[in-house]
Amino acid sequence: MGWAKRNILFLVGVIISLLLLGNRFTGLSRSVFILDCFFTFVLITAHRVSIRYLYQKINNDQSFLPLETRS
């Protein structure tokens, strides 16, 4: 894992910890966080797949994940 990803994960953890200490997420049920996690995962996955599909069409590749051949 690169240094940028580690720093981002650390900062997100700090921000969530500060929010938790500040107001303890009062008024929000656990299902809200579960749905948020699910929708975030689905949208990020769809975004990544669409970018890969776009690059595939731009490069006129025949396969979704091109295999490298060794000569």
PDB file of N, CA and C in Angstrom:
ATOM      1  N   MET A   1       0.850  -1.165   0.000  1.00  0.00           N
ATOM      2  CA  MET A   1       0.000   0.000   0.000  1.00  0.00           C
ATOM      3  C   MET A   1       0.894   1.226   0.000  1.00  0.00           C
ATOM      4  N   GLY A   2       0.610   2.156  -0.891  1.00  0.00           N
ATOM      5  CA  GLY A   2       1.424   3.344  -1.012  1.00  0.00           C
ATOM      6  C   GLY A   2       1.228   4.302   0.152  1.00  0.00           C
ATOM      7  N   TRP A   3       2.137   5.244   0.252  1.00  0.00           N
ATOM      8  CA  TRP A   3       2.084   6.190   1.360  1.00  0.00           C
ATOM      9  C   TRP A   3       0.844   7.062   1.285  1.00  0.00           C
ATOM     10  N   ALA A   4       0.383   7.387   0.081  1.00  0.00           N
ATOM     11  CA  ALA A   4      -0.798   8.243  -0.059  1.00  0.00           C
ATOM     12  C   ALA A   4      -2.040   7.539   0.483  1.00  0.00           C
ATOM     13  N   LYS A   5      -2.189   6.250   0.179  1.00  0.00           N
ATOM     14  CA  LYS A   5      -3.350   5.511   0.672  1.00  0.00           C
ATOM     15  C   LYS A   5      -3.319   5.389   2.183  1.00  0.00           C
ATOM     16  N   ARG A   6      -2.138   5.166   2.738  1.00  0.00           N
ATOM     17  CA  ARG A   6      -2.021   5.079   4.197  1.00  0.00           C
ATOM     18  C   ARG A   6      -2.406   6.396   4.854  1.00  0.00           C
ATOM     19  N   ASN A   7      -1.940   7.506   4.271  1.00  0.00           N
ATOM     20  CA  ASN A   7      -2.264   8.818   4.828  1.00  0.00           C
ATOM     21  C   ASN A   7      -3.758   9.109   4.741  1.00  0.00           C
ATOM     22  N   ILE A   8      -4.365   8.756   3.627  1.00  0.00           N
ATOM     23  CA  ILE A   8      -5.801   8.980   3.456  1.00  0.00           C
ATOM     24  C   ILE A   8      -6.589   8.158   4.461  1.00  0.00           C
ATOM     25  N   LEU A   9      -6.232   6.880   4.610  1.00  0.00           N
ATOM     26  CA  LEU A   9      -6.929   6.040   5.579  1.00  0.00           C
ATOM     27  C   LEU A   9      -6.750   6.568   6.996  1.00  0.00           C
ATOM     28  N   PHE A  10      -5.568   7.052   7.311  1.00  0.00           N
ATOM     29  CA  PHE A  10      -5.323   7.613   8.635  1.00  0.00           C
ATOM     30  C   PHE A  10      -6.188   8.854   8.870  1.00  0.00           C
ATOM     31  N   LEU A  11      -6.224   9.758   7.884  1.00  0.00           N
ATOM     32  CA  LEU A  11      -7.006  10.978   8.038  1.00  0.00           C
ATOM     33  C   LEU A  11      -8.501  10.696   8.122  1.00  0.00           C
ATOM     34  N   VAL A  12      -8.987   9.742   7.351  1.00  0.00           N
ATOM     35  CA  VAL A  12     -10.396   9.371   7.441  1.00  0.00           C
ATOM     36  C   VAL A  12     -10.694   8.810   8.829  1.00  0.00           C
ATOM     37  N   GLY A  13      -9.804   7.998   9.349  1.00  0.00           N
ATOM     38  CA  GLY A  13      -9.976   7.470  10.696  1.00  0.00           C
ATOM     39  C   GLY A  13      -9.995   8.568  11.751  1.00  0.00           C
ATOM     40  N   VAL A  14      -9.122   9.556  11.597  1.00  0.00           N
ATOM     41  CA  VAL A  14      -9.087  10.681  12.542  1.00  0.00           C
ATOM     42  C   VAL A  14     -10.381  11.479  12.468  1.00  0.00           C
ATOM     43  N   ILE A  15     -10.854  11.760  11.266  1.00  0.00           N
ATOM     44  CA  ILE A  15     -12.089  12.539  11.102  1.00  0.00           C
ATOM     45  C   ILE A  15     -13.277  11.791  11.698  1.00  0.00           C
ATOM     46  N   ILE A  16     -13.383  10.500  11.430  1.00  0.00           N
ATOM     47  CA  ILE A  16     -14.496   9.721  11.991  1.00  0.00           C
ATOM     48  C   ILE A  16     -14.393   9.666  13.512  1.00  0.00           C
ATOM     49  N   SER A  17     -13.185   9.530  14.028  1.00  0.00           N
ATOM     50  CA  SER A  17     -13.003   9.513  15.489  1.00  0.00           C
ATOM     51  C   SER A  17     -13.423  10.834  16.113  1.00  0.00           C
ATOM     52  N   LEU A  18     -13.060  11.956  15.481  1.00  0.00           N
ATOM     53  CA  LEU A  18     -13.457  13.262  16.004  1.00  0.00           C
ATOM     54  C   LEU A  18     -14.976  13.439  15.966  1.00  0.00           C
ATOM     55  N   LEU A  19     -15.591  12.978  14.881  1.00  0.00           N
ATOM     56  CA  LEU A  19     -17.052  13.050  14.814  1.00  0.00           C
ATOM     57  C   LEU A  19     -17.692  12.177  15.882  1.00  0.00           C
ATOM     58  N   LEU A  20     -17.126  11.024  16.084  1.00  0.00           N
ATOM     59  CA  LEU A  20     -17.666  10.111  17.092  1.00  0.00           C
ATOM     60  C   LEU A  20     -17.536  10.706  18.485  1.00  0.00           C
ATOM     61  N   LEU A  21     -16.400  11.331  18.769  1.00  0.00           N
ATOM     62  CA  LEU A  21     -16.213  11.955  20.077  1.00  0.00           C
ATOM     63  C   LEU A  21     -17.099  13.195  20.232  1.00  0.00           C
ATOM     64  N   GLY A  22     -17.347  13.888  19.131  1.00  0.00           N
ATOM     65  CA  GLY A  22     -18.116  15.129  19.199  1.00  0.00           C
ATOM     66  C   GLY A  22     -19.592  14.935  19.426  1.00  0.00           C
ATOM     67  N   ASN A  23     -20.242  14.084  18.633  1.00  0.00           N
ATOM     68  CA  ASN A  23     -21.694  13.955  18.775  1.00  0.00           C
ATOM     69  C   ASN A  23     -22.184  12.513  18.810  1.00  0.00           C
ATOM     70  N   ARG A  24     -21.298  11.558  18.766  1.00  0.00           N
ATOM     71  CA  ARG A  24     -21.634  10.130  18.892  1.00  0.00           C
ATOM     72  C   ARG A  24     -22.674   9.674  17.864  1.00  0.00           C
ATOM     73  N   PHE A  25     -22.790  10.372  16.758  1.00  0.00           N
ATOM     74  CA  PHE A  25     -23.728  10.022  15.684  1.00  0.00           C
ATOM     75  C   PHE A  25     -25.153   9.847  16.220  1.00  0.00           C
ATOM     76  N   THR A  26     -25.575  10.714  17.079  1.00  0.00           N
ATOM     77  CA  THR A  26     -26.907  10.602  17.678  1.00  0.00           C
ATOM     78  C   THR A  26     -27.979  10.763  16.607  1.00  0.00           C
ATOM     79  N   GLY A  27     -29.004   9.949  16.725  1.00  0.00           N
ATOM     80  CA  GLY A  27     -30.126  10.041  15.807  1.00  0.00           C
ATOM     81  C   GLY A  27     -29.990   9.203  14.552  1.00  0.00           C
ATOM     82  N   LEU A  28     -28.871   8.535  14.356  1.00  0.00           N
ATOM     83  CA  LEU A  28     -28.673   7.715  13.164  1.00  0.00           C
ATOM     84  C   LEU A  28     -28.628   6.238  13.567  1.00  0.00           C
ATOM     85  N   SER A  29     -29.402   5.435  12.868  1.00  0.00           N
ATOM     86  CA  SER A  29     -29.398   4.005  13.177  1.00  0.00           C
ATOM     87  C   SER A  29     -28.254   3.303  12.441  1.00  0.00           C
ATOM     88  N   ARG A  30     -27.974   2.082  12.854  1.00  0.00           N
ATOM     89  CA  ARG A  30     -26.896   1.311  12.219  1.00  0.00           C
ATOM     90  C   ARG A  30     -27.208   1.007  10.764  1.00  0.00           C
ATOM     91  N   SER A  31     -28.489   0.864  10.442  1.00  0.00           N
ATOM     92  CA  SER A  31     -28.850   0.539   9.056  1.00  0.00           C
ATOM     93  C   SER A  31     -28.439   1.655   8.095  1.00  0.00           C
ATOM     94  N   VAL A  32     -28.418   2.892   8.561  1.00  0.00           N
ATOM     95  CA  VAL A  32     -27.974   4.003   7.717  1.00  0.00           C
ATOM     96  C   VAL A  32     -26.521   3.809   7.327  1.00  0.00           C
ATOM     97  N   PHE A  33     -25.691   3.406   8.268  1.00  0.00           N
ATOM     98  CA  PHE A  33     -24.277   3.206   7.975  1.00  0.00           C
ATOM     99  C   PHE A  33     -24.053   1.981   7.087  1.00  0.00           C
ATOM    100  N   ILE A  34     -24.846   0.946   7.283  1.00  0.00           N
ATOM    101  CA  ILE A  34     -24.737  -0.245   6.442  1.00  0.00           C
ATOM    102  C   ILE A  34     -25.135   0.082   5.010  1.00  0.00           C
ATOM    103  N   LEU A  35     -26.246   0.816   4.837  1.00  0.00           N
ATOM    104  CA  LEU A  35     -26.673   1.215   3.492  1.00  0.00           C
ATOM    105  C   LEU A  35     -25.653   2.152   2.848  1.00  0.00           C
ATOM    106  N   ASP A  36     -25.094   3.064   3.615  1.00  0.00           N
ATOM    107  CA  ASP A  36     -24.081   3.967   3.088  1.00  0.00           C
ATOM    108  C   ASP A  36     -22.868   3.196   2.605  1.00  0.00           C
ATOM    109  N   CYS A  37     -22.426   2.226   3.391  1.00  0.00           N
ATOM    110  CA  CYS A  37     -21.286   1.395   2.998  1.00  0.00           C
ATOM    111  C   CYS A  37     -21.592   0.620   1.718  1.00  0.00           C
ATOM    112  N   PHE A  38     -22.787   0.044   1.643  1.00  0.00           N
ATOM    113  CA  PHE A  38     -23.169  -0.735   0.468  1.00  0.00           C
ATOM    114  C   PHE A  38     -23.219   0.136  -0.781  1.00  0.00           C
ATOM    115  N   PHE A  39     -23.921   1.277  -0.694  1.00  0.00           N
ATOM    116  CA  PHE A  39     -24.045   2.145  -1.874  1.00  0.00           C
ATOM    117  C   PHE A  39     -22.700   2.738  -2.283  1.00  0.00           C
ATOM    118  N   THR A  40     -21.861   3.055  -1.330  1.00  0.00           N
ATOM    119  CA  THR A  40     -20.530   3.563  -1.658  1.00  0.00           C
ATOM    120  C   THR A  40     -19.724   2.509  -2.406  1.00  0.00           C
ATOM    121  N   PHE A  41     -19.757   1.268  -1.924  1.00  0.00           N
ATOM    122  CA  PHE A  41     -19.040   0.179  -2.590  1.00  0.00           C
ATOM    123  C   PHE A  41     -19.557  -0.032  -4.011  1.00  0.00           C
ATOM    124  N   VAL A  42     -20.882  -0.053  -4.179  1.00  0.00           N
ATOM    125  CA  VAL A  42     -21.467  -0.277  -5.504  1.00  0.00           C
ATOM    126  C   VAL A  42     -21.103   0.850  -6.459  1.00  0.00           C
ATOM    127  N   LEU A  43     -21.191   2.096  -6.010  1.00  0.00           N
ATOM    128  CA  LEU A  43     -20.900   3.220  -6.897  1.00  0.00           C
ATOM    129  C   LEU A  43     -19.415   3.296  -7.262  1.00  0.00           C
ATOM    130  N   ILE A  44     -18.534   3.019  -6.316  1.00  0.00           N
ATOM    131  CA  ILE A  44     -17.098   3.029  -6.634  1.00  0.00           C
ATOM    132  C   ILE A  44     -16.764   1.899  -7.604  1.00  0.00           C
ATOM    133  N   THR A  45     -17.359   0.725  -7.383  1.00  0.00           N
ATOM    134  CA  THR A  45     -17.124  -0.403  -8.291  1.00  0.00           C
ATOM    135  C   THR A  45     -17.633  -0.089  -9.693  1.00  0.00           C
ATOM    136  N   ALA A  46     -18.829   0.477  -9.795  1.00  0.00           N
ATOM    137  CA  ALA A  46     -19.392   0.827 -11.105  1.00  0.00           C
ATOM    138  C   ALA A  46     -18.529   1.882 -11.801  1.00  0.00           C
ATOM    139  N   HIS A  47     -18.019   2.822 -11.058  1.00  0.00           N
ATOM    140  CA  HIS A  47     -17.161   3.849 -11.631  1.00  0.00           C
ATOM    141  C   HIS A  47     -15.880   3.240 -12.195  1.00  0.00           C
ATOM    142  N   ARG A  48     -15.268   2.348 -11.434  1.00  0.00           N
ATOM    143  CA  ARG A  48     -14.029   1.722 -11.894  1.00  0.00           C
ATOM    144  C   ARG A  48     -14.261   0.841 -13.125  1.00  0.00           C
ATOM    145  N   VAL A  49     -15.359   0.090 -13.134  1.00  0.00           N
ATOM    146  CA  VAL A  49     -15.670  -0.762 -14.279  1.00  0.00           C
ATOM    147  C   VAL A  49     -15.953   0.088 -15.511  1.00  0.00           C
ATOM    148  N   SER A  50     -16.669   1.189 -15.344  1.00  0.00           N
ATOM    149  CA  SER A  50     -16.974   2.039 -16.497  1.00  0.00           C
ATOM    150  C   SER A  50     -15.709   2.673 -17.074  1.00  0.00           C
ATOM    151  N   ILE A  51     -14.771   3.048 -16.229  1.00  0.00           N
ATOM    152  CA  ILE A  51     -13.510   3.612 -16.731  1.00  0.00           C
ATOM    153  C   ILE A  51     -12.723   2.543 -17.482  1.00  0.00           C
ATOM    154  N   ARG A  52     -12.681   1.329 -16.950  1.00  0.00           N
ATOM    155  CA  ARG A  52     -11.967   0.253 -17.650  1.00  0.00           C
ATOM    156  C   ARG A  52     -12.625  -0.042 -18.989  1.00  0.00           C
ATOM    157  N   TYR A  53     -13.958  -0.035 -19.019  1.00  0.00           N
ATOM    158  CA  TYR A  53     -14.690  -0.287 -20.259  1.00  0.00           C
ATOM    159  C   TYR A  53     -14.409   0.823 -21.269  1.00  0.00           C
ATOM    160  N   LEU A  54     -14.371   2.068 -20.809  1.00  0.00           N
ATOM    161  CA  LEU A  54     -14.090   3.192 -21.694  1.00  0.00           C
ATOM    162  C   LEU A  54     -12.694   3.070 -22.294  1.00  0.00           C
ATOM    163  N   TYR A  55     -11.704   2.764 -21.481  1.00  0.00           N
ATOM    164  CA  TYR A  55     -10.348   2.599 -22.003  1.00  0.00           C
ATOM    165  C   TYR A  55     -10.252   1.415 -22.959  1.00  0.00           C
ATOM    166  N   GLN A  56     -11.034   0.374 -22.722  1.00  0.00           N
ATOM    167  CA  GLN A  56     -11.055  -0.761 -23.630  1.00  0.00           C
ATOM    168  C   GLN A  56     -11.574  -0.331 -24.997  1.00  0.00           C
ATOM    169  N   LYS A  57     -12.640   0.456 -25.011  1.00  0.00           N
ATOM    170  CA  LYS A  57     -13.212   0.899 -26.279  1.00  0.00           C
ATOM    171  C   LYS A  57     -12.287   1.881 -26.995  1.00  0.00           C
ATOM    172  N   ILE A  58     -11.598   2.725 -26.245  1.00  0.00           N
ATOM    173  CA  ILE A  58     -10.684   3.689 -26.866  1.00  0.00           C
ATOM    174  C   ILE A  58      -9.509   2.960 -27.512  1.00  0.00           C
ATOM    175  N   ASN A  59      -8.983   1.932 -26.846  1.00  0.00           N
ATOM    176  CA  ASN A  59      -7.817   1.215 -27.361  1.00  0.00           C
ATOM    177  C   ASN A  59      -8.193   0.095 -28.320  1.00  0.00           C
ATOM    178  N   ASN A  60      -9.474  -0.138 -28.556  1.00  0.00           N
ATOM    179  CA  ASN A  60      -9.971  -1.176 -29.466  1.00  0.00           C
ATOM    180  C   ASN A  60      -9.465  -2.561 -29.093  1.00  0.00           C
ATOM    181  N   ASP A  61      -9.371  -2.842 -27.801  1.00  0.00           N
ATOM    182  CA  ASP A  61      -8.981  -4.172 -27.353  1.00  0.00           C
ATOM    183  C   ASP A  61     -10.159  -5.118 -27.515  1.00  0.00           C
ATOM    184  N   GLN A  62      -9.861  -6.399 -27.734  1.00  0.00           N
ATOM    185  CA  GLN A  62     -10.912  -7.379 -27.927  1.00  0.00           C
ATOM    186  C   GLN A  62     -11.387  -7.978 -26.612  1.00  0.00           C
ATOM    187  N   SER A  63     -10.544  -7.971 -25.593  1.00  0.00           N
ATOM    188  CA  SER A  63     -10.918  -8.577 -24.327  1.00  0.00           C
ATOM    189  C   SER A  63     -11.021  -7.509 -23.252  1.00  0.00           C
ATOM    190  N   PHE A  64     -11.781  -7.821 -22.218  1.00  0.00           N
ATOM    191  CA  PHE A  64     -11.940  -6.867 -21.119  1.00  0.00           C
ATOM    192  C   PHE A  64     -10.632  -6.740 -20.335  1.00  0.00           C
ATOM    193  N   LEU A  65      -9.998  -7.851 -20.062  1.00  0.00           N
ATOM    194  CA  LEU A  65      -8.698  -7.857 -19.412  1.00  0.00           C
ATOM    195  C   LEU A  65      -7.689  -8.494 -20.359  1.00  0.00           C
ATOM    196  N   PRO A  66      -6.974  -7.692 -21.123  1.00  0.00           N
ATOM    197  CA  PRO A  66      -6.057  -8.271 -22.120  1.00  0.00           C
ATOM    198  C   PRO A  66      -4.958  -9.086 -21.458  1.00  0.00           C
ATOM    199  N   LEU A  67      -4.701 -10.239 -22.047  1.00  0.00           N
ATOM    200  CA  LEU A  67      -3.646 -11.122 -21.564  1.00  0.00           C
ATOM    201  C   LEU A  67      -2.358 -10.819 -22.316  1.00  0.00           C
ATOM    202  N   GLU A  68      -1.248 -10.813 -21.576  1.00  0.00           N
ATOM    203  CA  GLU A  68       0.032 -10.578 -22.215  1.00  0.00           C
ATOM    204  C   GLU A  68       0.566 -11.904 -22.736  1.00  0.00           C
ATOM    205  N   THR A  69       1.050 -11.902 -23.945  1.00  0.00           N
ATOM    206  CA  THR A  69       1.639 -13.124 -24.505  1.00  0.00           C
ATOM    207  C   THR A  69       3.147 -12.981 -24.506  1.00  0.00           C
ATOM    208  N   ARG A  70       3.801 -14.070 -24.143  1.00  0.00           N
ATOM    209  CA  ARG A  70       5.264 -14.064 -24.121  1.00  0.00           C
ATOM    210  C   ARG A  70       5.778 -14.759 -25.363  1.00  0.00           C
ATOM    211  N   SER A  71       6.762 -14.132 -26.011  1.00  0.00           N
ATOM    212  CA  SER A  71       7.316 -14.733 -27.221  1.00  0.00           C
ATOM    213  C   SER A  71       8.669 -15.333 -26.942  1.00  0.00           C
TER     214      SER A  71
END
